[in-house]
Amino acid sequence: MSNAFDSIKQGLNEALVHAKTKDSKTAGVKLYRPQAVDVSGLRERLSLTQEQFAARFGFSVATLRHWERGDRSPSGASLVLLNVIDRNPTAVLQALQ
């Protein structure tokens, strides 16, 4: 076979070995997958208007409206923050003061 084929085959084999090898930096680390949050229900449970909720927790009102309408879903750090707010809103408010 050609040198190009051998080179590609070697690269693919190395990639497979790398993919199967556990990274020592992540070994033993639990992956956190935040749960979806009913943003509208959370806000209503806290008895806050959209404007109040957005201002208190650092979201834009427009983003909050998109989440509540279902146009978009919170993700990343926003979803993590919403999970914390859902479980302990007082702690979040104290941390933000």
PDB file of N, CA and C in Angstrom:
ATOM      1  N   MET A   1       0.837  -1.183   0.000  1.00  0.00           N
ATOM      2  CA  MET A   1       0.000   0.000   0.000  1.00  0.00           C
ATOM      3  C   MET A   1       0.875   1.236   0.000  1.00  0.00           C
ATOM      4  N   SER A   2       0.235   2.389  -0.254  1.00  0.00           N
ATOM      5  CA  SER A   2       0.997   3.623  -0.388  1.00  0.00           C
ATOM      6  C   SER A   2       1.392   4.190   0.966  1.00  0.00           C
ATOM      7  N   ASN A   3       2.385   5.061   0.942  1.00  0.00           N
ATOM      8  CA  ASN A   3       2.819   5.731   2.175  1.00  0.00           C
ATOM      9  C   ASN A   3       1.694   6.575   2.756  1.00  0.00           C
ATOM     10  N   ALA A   4       0.886   7.198   1.880  1.00  0.00           N
ATOM     11  CA  ALA A   4      -0.219   8.032   2.354  1.00  0.00           C
ATOM     12  C   ALA A   4      -1.216   7.180   3.143  1.00  0.00           C
ATOM     13  N   PHE A   5      -1.554   6.016   2.595  1.00  0.00           N
ATOM     14  CA  PHE A   5      -2.492   5.125   3.282  1.00  0.00           C
ATOM     15  C   PHE A   5      -1.936   4.699   4.632  1.00  0.00           C
ATOM     16  N   ASP A   6      -0.675   4.284   4.647  1.00  0.00           N
ATOM     17  CA  ASP A   6      -0.043   3.849   5.899  1.00  0.00           C
ATOM     18  C   ASP A   6      -0.038   4.970   6.935  1.00  0.00           C
ATOM     19  N   SER A   7       0.214   6.183   6.477  1.00  0.00           N
ATOM     20  CA  SER A   7       0.248   7.328   7.386  1.00  0.00           C
ATOM     21  C   SER A   7      -1.143   7.610   7.960  1.00  0.00           C
ATOM     22  N   ILE A   8      -2.155   7.550   7.094  1.00  0.00           N
ATOM     23  CA  ILE A   8      -3.531   7.777   7.546  1.00  0.00           C
ATOM     24  C   ILE A   8      -3.951   6.679   8.512  1.00  0.00           C
ATOM     25  N   LYS A   9      -3.614   5.420   8.175  1.00  0.00           N
ATOM     26  CA  LYS A   9      -3.959   4.282   9.031  1.00  0.00           C
ATOM     27  C   LYS A   9      -3.303   4.425  10.403  1.00  0.00           C
ATOM     28  N   GLN A  10      -2.059   4.828  10.433  1.00  0.00           N
ATOM     29  CA  GLN A  10      -1.350   5.011  11.703  1.00  0.00           C
ATOM     30  C   GLN A  10      -2.011   6.114  12.516  1.00  0.00           C
ATOM     31  N   GLY A  11      -2.363   7.221  11.858  1.00  0.00           N
ATOM     32  CA  GLY A  11      -3.015   8.322  12.555  1.00  0.00           C
ATOM     33  C   GLY A  11      -4.349   7.908  13.144  1.00  0.00           C
ATOM     34  N   LEU A  12      -5.126   7.134  12.390  1.00  0.00           N
ATOM     35  CA  LEU A  12      -6.418   6.660  12.891  1.00  0.00           C
ATOM     36  C   LEU A  12      -6.244   5.705  14.066  1.00  0.00           C
ATOM     37  N   ASN A  13      -5.256   4.830  13.985  1.00  0.00           N
ATOM     38  CA  ASN A  13      -4.980   3.922  15.104  1.00  0.00           C
ATOM     39  C   ASN A  13      -4.568   4.688  16.353  1.00  0.00           C
ATOM     40  N   GLU A  14      -3.750   5.718  16.198  1.00  0.00           N
ATOM     41  CA  GLU A  14      -3.338   6.543  17.335  1.00  0.00           C
ATOM     42  C   GLU A  14      -4.541   7.267  17.929  1.00  0.00           C
ATOM     43  N   ALA A  15      -5.436   7.738  17.062  1.00  0.00           N
ATOM     44  CA  ALA A  15      -6.635   8.424  17.540  1.00  0.00           C
ATOM     45  C   ALA A  15      -7.520   7.476  18.346  1.00  0.00           C
ATOM     46  N   LEU A  16      -7.649   6.229  17.890  1.00  0.00           N
ATOM     47  CA  LEU A  16      -8.427   5.242  18.623  1.00  0.00           C
ATOM     48  C   LEU A  16      -7.830   4.955  19.998  1.00  0.00           C
ATOM     49  N   VAL A  17      -6.523   4.798  20.055  1.00  0.00           N
ATOM     50  CA  VAL A  17      -5.854   4.550  21.336  1.00  0.00           C
ATOM     51  C   VAL A  17      -6.073   5.738  22.267  1.00  0.00           C
ATOM     52  N   HIS A  18      -5.944   6.944  21.739  1.00  0.00           N
ATOM     53  CA  HIS A  18      -6.142   8.148  22.555  1.00  0.00           C
ATOM     54  C   HIS A  18      -7.575   8.225  23.078  1.00  0.00           C
ATOM     55  N   ALA A  19      -8.541   7.913  22.210  1.00  0.00           N
ATOM     56  CA  ALA A  19      -9.950   7.981  22.608  1.00  0.00           C
ATOM     57  C   ALA A  19     -10.280   6.958  23.691  1.00  0.00           C
ATOM     58  N   LYS A  20      -9.623   5.813  23.659  1.00  0.00           N
ATOM     59  CA  LYS A  20      -9.890   4.758  24.639  1.00  0.00           C
ATOM     60  C   LYS A  20      -9.157   4.976  25.956  1.00  0.00           C
ATOM     61  N   THR A  21      -8.130   5.820  25.942  1.00  0.00           N
ATOM     62  CA  THR A  21      -7.331   6.073  27.134  1.00  0.00           C
ATOM     63  C   THR A  21      -8.015   7.134  27.980  1.00  0.00           C
ATOM     64  N   LYS A  22      -8.158   6.845  29.271  1.00  0.00           N
ATOM     65  CA  LYS A  22      -8.748   7.840  30.165  1.00  0.00           C
ATOM     66  C   LYS A  22      -7.744   8.948  30.422  1.00  0.00           C
ATOM     67  N   ASP A  23      -8.224  10.159  30.351  1.00  0.00           N
ATOM     68  CA  ASP A  23      -7.396  11.319  30.649  1.00  0.00           C
ATOM     69  C   ASP A  23      -7.185  11.393  32.156  1.00  0.00           C
ATOM     70  N   SER A  24      -5.942  11.475  32.596  1.00  0.00           N
ATOM     71  CA  SER A  24      -5.645  11.492  34.031  1.00  0.00           C
ATOM     72  C   SER A  24      -6.235  12.723  34.716  1.00  0.00           C
ATOM     73  N   LYS A  25      -6.472  13.788  33.960  1.00  0.00           N
ATOM     74  CA  LYS A  25      -7.041  14.997  34.564  1.00  0.00           C
ATOM     75  C   LYS A  25      -8.517  14.831  34.875  1.00  0.00           C
ATOM     76  N   THR A  26      -9.204  13.953  34.154  1.00  0.00           N
ATOM     77  CA  THR A  26     -10.634  13.772  34.378  1.00  0.00           C
ATOM     78  C   THR A  26     -10.967  12.451  35.040  1.00  0.00           C
ATOM     79  N   ALA A  27      -9.971  11.623  35.309  1.00  0.00           N
ATOM     80  CA  ALA A  27     -10.226  10.336  35.953  1.00  0.00           C
ATOM     81  C   ALA A  27     -10.809  10.572  37.347  1.00  0.00           C
ATOM     82  N   GLY A  28     -11.895   9.911  37.641  1.00  0.00           N
ATOM     83  CA  GLY A  28     -12.531  10.033  38.944  1.00  0.00           C
ATOM     84  C   GLY A  28     -13.390  11.271  39.107  1.00  0.00           C
ATOM     85  N   VAL A  29     -13.545  12.050  38.054  1.00  0.00           N
ATOM     86  CA  VAL A  29     -14.359  13.257  38.133  1.00  0.00           C
ATOM     87  C   VAL A  29     -15.775  12.920  37.692  1.00  0.00           C
ATOM     88  N   LYS A  30     -16.747  13.295  38.484  1.00  0.00           N
ATOM     89  CA  LYS A  30     -18.142  13.043  38.148  1.00  0.00           C
ATOM     90  C   LYS A  30     -18.634  14.145  37.214  1.00  0.00           C
ATOM     91  N   LEU A  31     -19.212  13.746  36.114  1.00  0.00           N
ATOM     92  CA  LEU A  31     -19.752  14.698  35.153  1.00  0.00           C
ATOM     93  C   LEU A  31     -21.111  15.162  35.635  1.00  0.00           C
ATOM     94  N   TYR A  32     -21.297  16.468  35.756  1.00  0.00           N
ATOM     95  CA  TYR A  32     -22.553  17.040  36.221  1.00  0.00           C
ATOM     96  C   TYR A  32     -23.401  17.422  35.019  1.00  0.00           C
ATOM     97  N   ARG A  33     -24.585  16.900  34.956  1.00  0.00           N
ATOM     98  CA  ARG A  33     -25.533  17.250  33.897  1.00  0.00           C
ATOM     99  C   ARG A  33     -26.732  17.915  34.563  1.00  0.00           C
ATOM    100  N   PRO A  34     -26.812  19.242  34.475  1.00  0.00           N
ATOM    101  CA  PRO A  34     -27.918  19.937  35.135  1.00  0.00           C
ATOM    102  C   PRO A  34     -29.264  19.545  34.535  1.00  0.00           C
ATOM    103  N   GLN A  35     -30.257  19.470  35.395  1.00  0.00           N
ATOM    104  CA  GLN A  35     -31.609  19.124  34.968  1.00  0.00           C
ATOM    105  C   GLN A  35     -32.277  20.335  34.334  1.00  0.00           C
ATOM    106  N   ALA A  36     -33.232  20.071  33.461  1.00  0.00           N
ATOM    107  CA  ALA A  36     -34.032  21.151  32.887  1.00  0.00           C
ATOM    108  C   ALA A  36     -34.824  21.804  34.020  1.00  0.00           C
ATOM    109  N   VAL A  37     -35.044  23.099  33.908  1.00  0.00           N
ATOM    110  CA  VAL A  37     -35.767  23.853  34.934  1.00  0.00           C
ATOM    111  C   VAL A  37     -36.971  24.523  34.289  1.00  0.00           C
ATOM    112  N   ASP A  38     -38.123  24.421  34.940  1.00  0.00           N
ATOM    113  CA  ASP A  38     -39.311  25.148  34.506  1.00  0.00           C
ATOM    114  C   ASP A  38     -39.138  26.584  34.997  1.00  0.00           C
ATOM    115  N   VAL A  39     -38.605  27.429  34.133  1.00  0.00           N
ATOM    116  CA  VAL A  39     -38.237  28.784  34.532  1.00  0.00           C
ATOM    117  C   VAL A  39     -39.467  29.578  34.966  1.00  0.00           C
ATOM    118  N   SER A  40     -40.544  29.465  34.211  1.00  0.00           N
ATOM    119  CA  SER A  40     -41.767  30.191  34.563  1.00  0.00           C
ATOM    120  C   SER A  40     -42.294  29.732  35.917  1.00  0.00           C
ATOM    121  N   GLY A  41     -42.324  28.420  36.137  1.00  0.00           N
ATOM    122  CA  GLY A  41     -42.788  27.892  37.416  1.00  0.00           C
ATOM    123  C   GLY A  41     -41.901  28.315  38.567  1.00  0.00           C
ATOM    124  N   LEU A  42     -40.592  28.322  38.337  1.00  0.00           N
ATOM    125  CA  LEU A  42     -39.645  28.755  39.364  1.00  0.00           C
ATOM    126  C   LEU A  42     -39.888  30.217  39.722  1.00  0.00           C
ATOM    127  N   ARG A  43     -40.023  31.051  38.705  1.00  0.00           N
ATOM    128  CA  ARG A  43     -40.239  32.483  38.942  1.00  0.00           C
ATOM    129  C   ARG A  43     -41.543  32.708  39.694  1.00  0.00           C
ATOM    130  N   GLU A  44     -42.596  32.010  39.295  1.00  0.00           N
ATOM    131  CA  GLU A  44     -43.889  32.170  39.967  1.00  0.00           C
ATOM    132  C   GLU A  44     -43.834  31.663  41.406  1.00  0.00           C
ATOM    133  N   ARG A  45     -43.092  30.564  41.626  1.00  0.00           N
ATOM    134  CA  ARG A  45     -42.939  30.031  42.986  1.00  0.00           C
ATOM    135  C   ARG A  45     -42.265  31.050  43.901  1.00  0.00           C
ATOM    136  N   LEU A  46     -41.367  31.856  43.318  1.00  0.00           N
ATOM    137  CA  LEU A  46     -40.680  32.889  44.101  1.00  0.00           C
ATOM    138  C   LEU A  46     -41.477  34.184  44.177  1.00  0.00           C
ATOM    139  N   SER A  47     -42.643  34.210  43.543  1.00  0.00           N
ATOM    140  CA  SER A  47     -43.531  35.385  43.521  1.00  0.00           C
ATOM    141  C   SER A  47     -42.828  36.621  42.977  1.00  0.00           C
ATOM    142  N   LEU A  48     -42.115  36.445  41.849  1.00  0.00           N
ATOM    143  CA  LEU A  48     -41.400  37.554  41.229  1.00  0.00           C
ATOM    144  C   LEU A  48     -41.928  37.794  39.816  1.00  0.00           C
ATOM    145  N   THR A  49     -41.947  39.061  39.423  1.00  0.00           N
ATOM    146  CA  THR A  49     -42.257  39.386  38.035  1.00  0.00           C
ATOM    147  C   THR A  49     -41.049  39.005  37.180  1.00  0.00           C
ATOM    148  N   GLN A  50     -41.231  39.004  35.878  1.00  0.00           N
ATOM    149  CA  GLN A  50     -40.095  38.725  35.000  1.00  0.00           C
ATOM    150  C   GLN A  50     -38.978  39.739  35.232  1.00  0.00           C
ATOM    151  N   GLU A  51     -39.353  40.991  35.359  1.00  0.00           N
ATOM    152  CA  GLU A  51     -38.357  42.043  35.566  1.00  0.00           C
ATOM    153  C   GLU A  51     -37.602  41.855  36.871  1.00  0.00           C
ATOM    154  N   GLN A  52     -38.316  41.506  37.940  1.00  0.00           N
ATOM    155  CA  GLN A  52     -37.680  41.290  39.244  1.00  0.00           C
ATOM    156  C   GLN A  52     -36.744  40.080  39.215  1.00  0.00           C
ATOM    157  N   PHE A  53     -37.216  38.982  38.641  1.00  0.00           N
ATOM    158  CA  PHE A  53     -36.400  37.768  38.568  1.00  0.00           C
ATOM    159  C   PHE A  53     -35.132  38.029  37.775  1.00  0.00           C
ATOM    160  N   ALA A  54     -35.282  38.667  36.619  1.00  0.00           N
ATOM    161  CA  ALA A  54     -34.124  38.960  35.770  1.00  0.00           C
ATOM    162  C   ALA A  54     -33.121  39.851  36.496  1.00  0.00           C
ATOM    163  N   ALA A  55     -33.611  40.881  37.149  1.00  0.00           N
ATOM    164  CA  ALA A  55     -32.723  41.814  37.850  1.00  0.00           C
ATOM    165  C   ALA A  55     -32.017  41.146  39.034  1.00  0.00           C
ATOM    166  N   ARG A  56     -32.749  40.355  39.800  1.00  0.00           N
ATOM    167  CA  ARG A  56     -32.160  39.736  40.995  1.00  0.00           C
ATOM    168  C   ARG A  56     -31.098  38.695  40.675  1.00  0.00           C
ATOM    169  N   PHE A  57     -31.283  37.983  39.553  1.00  0.00           N
ATOM    170  CA  PHE A  57     -30.378  36.869  39.267  1.00  0.00           C
ATOM    171  C   PHE A  57     -29.466  37.106  38.068  1.00  0.00           C
ATOM    172  N   GLY A  58     -29.543  38.295  37.473  1.00  0.00           N
ATOM    173  CA  GLY A  58     -28.584  38.666  36.437  1.00  0.00           C
ATOM    174  C   GLY A  58     -28.893  38.188  35.031  1.00  0.00           C
ATOM    175  N   PHE A  59     -30.147  37.900  34.742  1.00  0.00           N
ATOM    176  CA  PHE A  59     -30.541  37.524  33.389  1.00  0.00           C
ATOM    177  C   PHE A  59     -31.155  38.733  32.701  1.00  0.00           C
ATOM    178  N   SER A  60     -31.117  38.752  31.394  1.00  0.00           N
ATOM    179  CA  SER A  60     -31.841  39.814  30.694  1.00  0.00           C
ATOM    180  C   SER A  60     -33.316  39.420  30.645  1.00  0.00           C
ATOM    181  N   VAL A  61     -34.187  40.412  30.650  1.00  0.00           N
ATOM    182  CA  VAL A  61     -35.626  40.146  30.588  1.00  0.00           C
ATOM    183  C   VAL A  61     -35.955  39.440  29.275  1.00  0.00           C
ATOM    184  N   ALA A  62     -35.318  39.843  28.196  1.00  0.00           N
ATOM    185  CA  ALA A  62     -35.574  39.228  26.890  1.00  0.00           C
ATOM    186  C   ALA A  62     -35.235  37.739  26.910  1.00  0.00           C
ATOM    187  N   THR A  63     -34.092  37.391  27.502  1.00  0.00           N
ATOM    188  CA  THR A  63     -33.695  35.986  27.593  1.00  0.00           C
ATOM    189  C   THR A  63     -34.694  35.211  28.438  1.00  0.00           C
ATOM    190  N   LEU A  64     -35.110  35.778  29.550  1.00  0.00           N
ATOM    191  CA  LEU A  64     -36.087  35.138  30.424  1.00  0.00           C
ATOM    192  C   LEU A  64     -37.390  34.889  29.673  1.00  0.00           C
ATOM    193  N   ARG A  65     -37.827  35.857  28.903  1.00  0.00           N
ATOM    194  CA  ARG A  65     -39.063  35.692  28.121  1.00  0.00           C
ATOM    195  C   ARG A  65     -38.930  34.573  27.100  1.00  0.00           C
ATOM    196  N   HIS A  66     -37.793  34.490  26.441  1.00  0.00           N
ATOM    197  CA  HIS A  66     -37.567  33.407  25.473  1.00  0.00           C
ATOM    198  C   HIS A  66     -37.645  32.045  26.165  1.00  0.00           C
ATOM    199  N   TRP A  67     -37.033  31.934  27.346  1.00  0.00           N
ATOM    200  CA  TRP A  67     -37.068  30.670  28.083  1.00  0.00           C
ATOM    201  C   TRP A  67     -38.498  30.313  28.460  1.00  0.00           C
ATOM    202  N   GLU A  68     -39.241  31.300  28.955  1.00  0.00           N
ATOM    203  CA  GLU A  68     -40.599  31.032  29.419  1.00  0.00           C
ATOM    204  C   GLU A  68     -41.537  30.697  28.269  1.00  0.00           C
ATOM    205  N   ARG A  69     -41.325  31.281  27.116  1.00  0.00           N
ATOM    206  CA  ARG A  69     -42.156  30.972  25.945  1.00  0.00           C
ATOM    207  C   ARG A  69     -41.760  29.652  25.300  1.00  0.00           C
ATOM    208  N   GLY A  70     -40.565  29.169  25.605  1.00  0.00           N
ATOM    209  CA  GLY A  70     -40.086  27.939  25.009  1.00  0.00           C
ATOM    210  C   GLY A  70     -39.372  28.143  23.686  1.00  0.00           C
ATOM    211  N   ASP A  71     -39.107  29.409  23.327  1.00  0.00           N
ATOM    212  CA  ASP A  71     -38.357  29.698  22.099  1.00  0.00           C
ATOM    213  C   ASP A  71     -36.925  29.191  22.224  1.00  0.00           C
ATOM    214  N   ARG A  72     -36.394  29.277  23.422  1.00  0.00           N
ATOM    215  CA  ARG A  72     -35.024  28.846  23.718  1.00  0.00           C
ATOM    216  C   ARG A  72     -35.029  28.107  25.040  1.00  0.00           C
ATOM    217  N   SER A  73     -33.962  27.372  25.263  1.00  0.00           N
ATOM    218  CA  SER A  73     -33.793  26.662  26.540  1.00  0.00           C
ATOM    219  C   SER A  73     -32.499  27.122  27.181  1.00  0.00           C
ATOM    220  N   PRO A  74     -32.514  27.309  28.493  1.00  0.00           N
ATOM    221  CA  PRO A  74     -31.272  27.683  29.167  1.00  0.00           C
ATOM    222  C   PRO A  74     -30.255  26.555  29.051  1.00  0.00           C
ATOM    223  N   SER A  75     -28.993  26.932  28.960  1.00  0.00           N
ATOM    224  CA  SER A  75     -27.930  25.936  28.871  1.00  0.00           C
ATOM    225  C   SER A  75     -26.684  26.478  29.569  1.00  0.00           C
ATOM    226  N   GLY A  76     -25.693  25.629  29.697  1.00  0.00           N
ATOM    227  CA  GLY A  76     -24.417  26.044  30.265  1.00  0.00           C
ATOM    228  C   GLY A  76     -24.555  26.606  31.664  1.00  0.00           C
ATOM    229  N   ALA A  77     -23.829  27.685  31.903  1.00  0.00           N
ATOM    230  CA  ALA A  77     -23.796  28.298  33.236  1.00  0.00           C
ATOM    231  C   ALA A  77     -25.170  28.806  33.660  1.00  0.00           C
ATOM    232  N   SER A  78     -25.969  29.274  32.705  1.00  0.00           N
ATOM    233  CA  SER A  78     -27.319  29.744  33.042  1.00  0.00           C
ATOM    234  C   SER A  78     -28.165  28.611  33.612  1.00  0.00           C
ATOM    235  N   LEU A  79     -28.063  27.436  33.001  1.00  0.00           N
ATOM    236  CA  LEU A  79     -28.838  26.296  33.480  1.00  0.00           C
ATOM    237  C   LEU A  79     -28.349  25.844  34.856  1.00  0.00           C
ATOM    238  N   VAL A  80     -27.055  25.887  35.063  1.00  0.00           N
ATOM    239  CA  VAL A  80     -26.516  25.542  36.386  1.00  0.00           C
ATOM    240  C   VAL A  80     -27.037  26.526  37.430  1.00  0.00           C
ATOM    241  N   LEU A  81     -26.976  27.824  37.122  1.00  0.00           N
ATOM    242  CA  LEU A  81     -27.470  28.840  38.058  1.00  0.00           C
ATOM    243  C   LEU A  81     -28.955  28.644  38.339  1.00  0.00           C
ATOM    244  N   LEU A  82     -29.741  28.352  37.315  1.00  0.00           N
ATOM    245  CA  LEU A  82     -31.174  28.126  37.523  1.00  0.00           C
ATOM    246  C   LEU A  82     -31.424  26.919  38.419  1.00  0.00           C
ATOM    247  N   ASN A  83     -30.603  25.876  38.290  1.00  0.00           N
ATOM    248  CA  ASN A  83     -30.728  24.716  39.174  1.00  0.00           C
ATOM    249  C   ASN A  83     -30.433  25.092  40.615  1.00  0.00           C
ATOM    250  N   VAL A  84     -29.427  25.925  40.833  1.00  0.00           N
ATOM    251  CA  VAL A  84     -29.095  26.363  42.188  1.00  0.00           C
ATOM    252  C   VAL A  84     -30.205  27.253  42.741  1.00  0.00           C
ATOM    253  N   ILE A  85     -30.704  28.155  41.920  1.00  0.00           N
ATOM    254  CA  ILE A  85     -31.813  29.016  42.347  1.00  0.00           C
ATOM    255  C   ILE A  85     -33.018  28.159  42.722  1.00  0.00           C
ATOM    256  N   ASP A  86     -33.281  27.135  41.922  1.00  0.00           N
ATOM    257  CA  ASP A  86     -34.416  26.245  42.171  1.00  0.00           C
ATOM    258  C   ASP A  86     -34.285  25.550  43.519  1.00  0.00           C
ATOM    259  N   ARG A  87     -33.077  25.167  43.878  1.00  0.00           N
ATOM    260  CA  ARG A  87     -32.865  24.430  45.123  1.00  0.00           C
ATOM    261  C   ARG A  87     -32.683  25.337  46.345  1.00  0.00           C
ATOM    262  N   ASN A  88     -32.041  26.503  46.154  1.00  0.00           N
ATOM    263  CA  ASN A  88     -31.764  27.368  47.295  1.00  0.00           C
ATOM    264  C   ASN A  88     -31.652  28.836  46.859  1.00  0.00           C
ATOM    265  N   PRO A  89     -32.760  29.453  46.544  1.00  0.00           N
ATOM    266  CA  PRO A  89     -32.726  30.834  46.066  1.00  0.00           C
ATOM    267  C   PRO A  89     -32.132  31.809  47.082  1.00  0.00           C
ATOM    268  N   THR A  90     -32.332  31.554  48.354  1.00  0.00           N
ATOM    269  CA  THR A  90     -31.807  32.442  49.397  1.00  0.00           C
ATOM    270  C   THR A  90     -30.283  32.458  49.358  1.00  0.00           C
ATOM    271  N   ALA A  91     -29.667  31.305  49.196  1.00  0.00           N
ATOM    272  CA  ALA A  91     -28.202  31.237  49.147  1.00  0.00           C
ATOM    273  C   ALA A  91     -27.667  32.020  47.965  1.00  0.00           C
ATOM    274  N   VAL A  92     -28.344  31.937  46.832  1.00  0.00           N
ATOM    275  CA  VAL A  92     -27.905  32.675  45.648  1.00  0.00           C
ATOM    276  C   VAL A  92     -28.022  34.171  45.897  1.00  0.00           C
ATOM    277  N   LEU A  93     -29.146  34.596  46.457  1.00  0.00           N
ATOM    278  CA  LEU A  93     -29.330  36.027  46.753  1.00  0.00           C
ATOM    279  C   LEU A  93     -28.285  36.526  47.748  1.00  0.00           C
ATOM    280  N   GLN A  94     -27.971  35.724  48.770  1.00  0.00           N
ATOM    281  CA  GLN A  94     -26.936  36.123  49.737  1.00  0.00           C
ATOM    282  C   GLN A  94     -25.584  36.231  49.058  1.00  0.00           C
ATOM    283  N   ALA A  95     -25.283  35.301  48.169  1.00  0.00           N
ATOM    284  CA  ALA A  95     -23.986  35.320  47.472  1.00  0.00           C
ATOM    285  C   ALA A  95     -23.870  36.526  46.548  1.00  0.00           C
ATOM    286  N   LEU A  96     -24.983  36.977  46.010  1.00  0.00           N
ATOM    287  CA  LEU A  96     -24.958  38.102  45.070  1.00  0.00           C
ATOM    288  C   LEU A  96     -24.972  39.466  45.762  1.00  0.00           C
ATOM    289  N   GLN A  97     -25.206  39.489  47.075  1.00  0.00           N
ATOM    290  CA  GLN A  97     -25.253  40.786  47.772  1.00  0.00           C
ATOM    291  C   GLN A  97     -23.877  41.338  47.983  1.00  0.00           C
TER     292      GLN A  97
END
